[in-house]
Amino acid sequence: MLKALHSKKGVQLILGLIAGIIFGFLLQKGGVTKYSVILGQLLLRDFTVVKIMLSAVITGTLGIHLLRSLGLVQLHPKPGSFGASVIGGLIFGVGFATLGYCPGTIAGAVGQGSLDALVGGVVGILLGAGIFASLYPRLQKATLIKGDFGELTLPQLLKVNPWVVVIPVAILLAAILFLLQRAGL
């Protein structure tokens, strides 16, 4: 079934659109498209964003590895490097700290009618992408390839079955989620 779907690009686009709409709806319902919630997270006063992200990471990690174990999907990790992670983190951090939205919450906030997300967010994303694209050739040679680790995953690095990493990480994240909830954060 999934192999047949892989060859149908139009269906994939429609499914992606539907998944995006559902994702945006859930972000909005979770409250993370509100500037005050994002600002509260940055000030370490409101942990709604962290709780939603932890829940998503736990669900996604367990779900994708279960599907992988059943032979229904294959993982295709993108090559990475420490240089690219640092540059990407800096770009993301500057945009996030300046506007108070990440790309996902910008889309959700635009969908709920927030003009600051539309003007600052969408314009910021387009400008940032344009600047990055123009600087990419120089960054690629100078910085992005530093500390290249290729397509290596943590289980591959440790030479263990992926579940040896997935289960403890899911338990750790669930414990953090439980402690945040218990502390009333």
Protein backbone atom coordinates (compact mmCIF):
# COMPACT_ATOMS: atom_id res chain seq x y z
CA MET A 1 0.00 0.00 0.00
CA LEU A 2 2.66 2.51 0.98
CA LYS A 3 4.83 1.64 -2.03
CA ALA A 4 1.88 2.36 -4.33
CA LEU A 5 1.35 5.68 -2.53
CA HIS A 6 5.02 6.56 -2.98
CA SER A 7 4.60 6.65 -6.76
CA LYS A 8 1.54 8.94 -6.67
CA LYS A 9 2.91 12.45 -6.18
CA GLY A 10 -0.50 14.15 -6.47
CA VAL A 11 -1.98 12.01 -3.71
CA GLN A 12 1.09 12.69 -1.57
CA LEU A 13 0.56 16.45 -2.00
CA ILE A 14 -3.10 16.18 -1.01
CA LEU A 15 -2.24 14.04 2.03
CA GLY A 16 0.48 16.53 2.96
CA LEU A 17 -2.00 19.41 2.72
CA ILE A 18 -4.53 17.55 4.87
CA ALA A 19 -1.85 16.65 7.44
CA GLY A 20 -0.68 20.28 7.48
CA ILE A 21 -4.18 21.56 8.09
CA ILE A 22 -4.66 19.07 10.93
CA PHE A 23 -1.24 20.01 12.36
CA GLY A 24 -2.08 23.72 12.25
CA PHE A 25 -5.48 23.08 13.82
CA LEU A 26 -3.88 21.11 16.66
CA LEU A 27 -1.22 23.80 17.21
CA GLN A 28 -3.96 26.41 17.41
CA LYS A 29 -6.08 24.28 19.76
CA GLY A 30 -3.01 23.64 21.92
CA GLY A 31 -2.53 27.39 22.25
CA VAL A 32 0.98 27.55 20.82
CA THR A 33 0.01 29.94 18.02
CA LYS A 34 -0.47 32.70 20.58
CA TYR A 35 2.39 35.11 21.03
CA SER A 36 1.84 35.22 24.80
CA VAL A 37 2.29 31.45 25.09
CA ILE A 38 5.50 31.52 23.02
CA LEU A 39 6.82 34.46 25.04
CA GLY A 40 5.92 32.63 28.27
CA GLN A 41 7.97 29.66 27.06
CA LEU A 42 10.96 31.85 26.22
CA LEU A 43 10.72 33.40 29.69
CA LEU A 44 10.39 29.91 31.25
CA ARG A 45 6.97 30.75 32.70
CA ASP A 46 4.66 28.71 30.45
CA PHE A 47 5.75 25.25 29.34
CA THR A 48 2.83 24.57 26.98
CA VAL A 49 5.17 24.50 23.96
CA VAL A 50 7.59 22.06 25.59
CA LYS A 51 4.75 19.77 26.66
CA ILE A 52 3.28 19.71 23.15
CA MET A 53 6.71 19.10 21.60
CA LEU A 54 7.55 16.31 24.05
CA SER A 55 4.21 14.64 23.34
CA ALA A 56 4.82 14.91 19.58
CA VAL A 57 8.38 13.57 19.80
CA ILE A 58 7.32 10.60 21.94
CA THR A 59 4.38 9.76 19.65
CA GLY A 60 6.38 10.29 16.45
CA THR A 61 9.42 8.34 17.63
CA LEU A 62 7.44 5.33 18.82
CA GLY A 63 5.13 5.43 15.80
CA ILE A 64 7.78 5.69 13.11
CA HIS A 65 9.96 3.02 14.68
CA LEU A 66 6.97 0.70 15.07
CA LEU A 67 6.10 1.19 11.38
CA ARG A 68 9.77 0.64 10.51
CA SER A 69 9.90 -2.57 12.57
CA LEU A 70 6.79 -3.84 10.77
CA GLY A 71 8.47 -3.14 7.42
CA LEU A 72 5.88 -0.52 6.43
CA VAL A 73 8.30 2.41 6.14
CA GLN A 74 11.99 3.04 5.64
CA LEU A 75 13.97 5.80 7.29
CA HIS A 76 15.95 8.10 5.04
CA PRO A 77 17.92 10.39 7.36
CA LYS A 78 19.42 13.45 5.73
CA PRO A 79 23.16 13.95 6.00
CA GLY A 80 24.14 16.33 8.74
CA SER A 81 27.06 18.17 10.26
CA PHE A 82 27.77 20.15 13.38
CA GLY A 83 28.44 23.25 11.25
CA ALA A 84 25.03 23.03 9.56
CA SER A 85 23.34 22.43 12.92
CA VAL A 86 24.98 25.49 14.46
CA ILE A 87 24.14 27.77 11.52
CA GLY A 88 20.58 26.42 11.32
CA GLY A 89 20.15 26.80 15.08
CA LEU A 90 21.38 30.39 14.98
CA ILE A 91 19.07 31.34 12.10
CA PHE A 92 16.11 29.62 13.78
CA GLY A 93 16.97 31.15 17.17
CA VAL A 94 17.27 34.70 15.86
CA GLY A 95 13.94 34.46 14.05
CA PHE A 96 12.25 32.79 17.01
CA ALA A 97 13.58 35.29 19.54
CA THR A 98 12.83 38.28 17.31
CA LEU A 99 9.25 37.43 16.42
CA GLY A 100 8.22 34.82 18.98
CA TYR A 101 7.14 32.21 16.45
CA CYS A 102 8.72 29.17 14.84
CA PRO A 103 7.83 28.26 11.25
CA GLY A 104 5.05 25.87 12.31
CA THR A 105 3.45 28.29 14.73
CA ILE A 106 3.74 31.10 12.15
CA ALA A 107 1.58 29.09 9.76
CA GLY A 108 -0.94 28.34 12.51
CA ALA A 109 -0.99 31.97 13.67
CA VAL A 110 -1.50 33.21 10.10
CA GLY A 111 -4.38 30.73 9.81
CA GLN A 112 -6.04 32.21 12.89
CA GLY A 113 -5.60 35.75 11.53
CA SER A 114 -2.56 37.07 13.42
CA LEU A 115 -1.18 39.93 11.33
CA ASP A 116 2.16 39.97 13.17
CA ALA A 117 2.74 36.39 12.04
CA LEU A 118 1.69 37.20 8.48
CA VAL A 119 3.75 40.35 8.07
CA GLY A 120 6.72 39.61 10.31
CA GLY A 121 6.70 35.83 10.03
CA VAL A 122 6.01 35.09 6.39
CA VAL A 123 8.06 38.06 5.20
CA GLY A 124 10.84 37.06 7.62
CA ILE A 125 10.84 33.48 6.36
CA LEU A 126 11.02 34.62 2.75
CA LEU A 127 13.79 37.14 3.46
CA GLY A 128 15.72 34.66 5.60
CA ALA A 129 15.43 31.95 2.95
CA GLY A 130 16.60 34.38 0.27
CA ILE A 131 19.60 35.53 2.32
CA PHE A 132 20.53 31.95 3.17
CA ALA A 133 20.21 30.89 -0.48
CA SER A 134 22.48 33.72 -1.61
CA LEU A 135 25.08 32.91 1.06
CA TYR A 136 24.79 29.13 0.68
CA PRO A 137 27.73 28.57 -1.70
CA ARG A 138 30.13 30.37 0.66
CA LEU A 139 28.63 28.80 3.78
CA GLN A 140 28.78 25.33 2.21
CA LYS A 141 32.53 25.57 1.66
CA ALA A 142 33.39 27.37 4.88
CA THR A 143 31.05 26.19 7.61
CA LEU A 144 28.21 23.83 6.74
CA ILE A 145 30.44 20.81 6.11
CA LYS A 146 32.42 21.16 9.35
CA GLY A 147 31.95 18.14 11.59
CA ASP A 148 30.16 16.11 8.91
CA PHE A 149 28.49 13.00 10.34
CA GLY A 150 26.62 11.98 7.19
CA GLU A 151 23.41 9.99 7.53
CA LEU A 152 24.49 8.43 10.82
CA THR A 153 21.77 7.88 13.42
CA LEU A 154 22.35 7.40 17.15
CA PRO A 155 21.56 3.64 17.07
CA GLN A 156 23.99 3.24 14.15
CA LEU A 157 26.66 5.16 16.05
CA LEU A 158 26.15 2.96 19.11
CA LYS A 159 25.77 -0.17 16.92
CA VAL A 160 22.58 -1.24 18.67
CA ASN A 161 19.02 -2.12 17.72
CA PRO A 162 17.07 1.17 17.37
CA TRP A 163 14.67 0.14 20.15
CA VAL A 164 17.60 0.17 22.60
CA VAL A 165 17.69 3.94 22.05
CA VAL A 166 14.02 4.63 21.30
CA ILE A 167 12.51 3.10 24.46
CA PRO A 168 14.82 4.81 27.00
CA VAL A 169 14.49 8.15 25.19
CA ALA A 170 10.68 7.86 25.13
CA ILE A 171 10.67 6.97 28.85
CA LEU A 172 12.98 9.89 29.66
CA LEU A 173 10.84 12.35 27.69
CA ALA A 174 7.66 10.98 29.27
CA ALA A 175 9.24 11.43 32.72
CA ILE A 176 10.12 15.05 31.89
CA LEU A 177 6.57 15.60 30.64
CA PHE A 178 5.15 14.07 33.83
CA LEU A 179 7.40 16.22 36.05
CA LEU A 180 6.46 19.40 34.19
CA GLN A 181 2.79 18.59 34.53
CA ARG A 182 3.14 17.67 38.21
CA ALA A 183 5.01 20.93 38.91
CA GLY A 184 2.16 22.83 37.30
CA LEU A 185 4.36 24.32 34.64
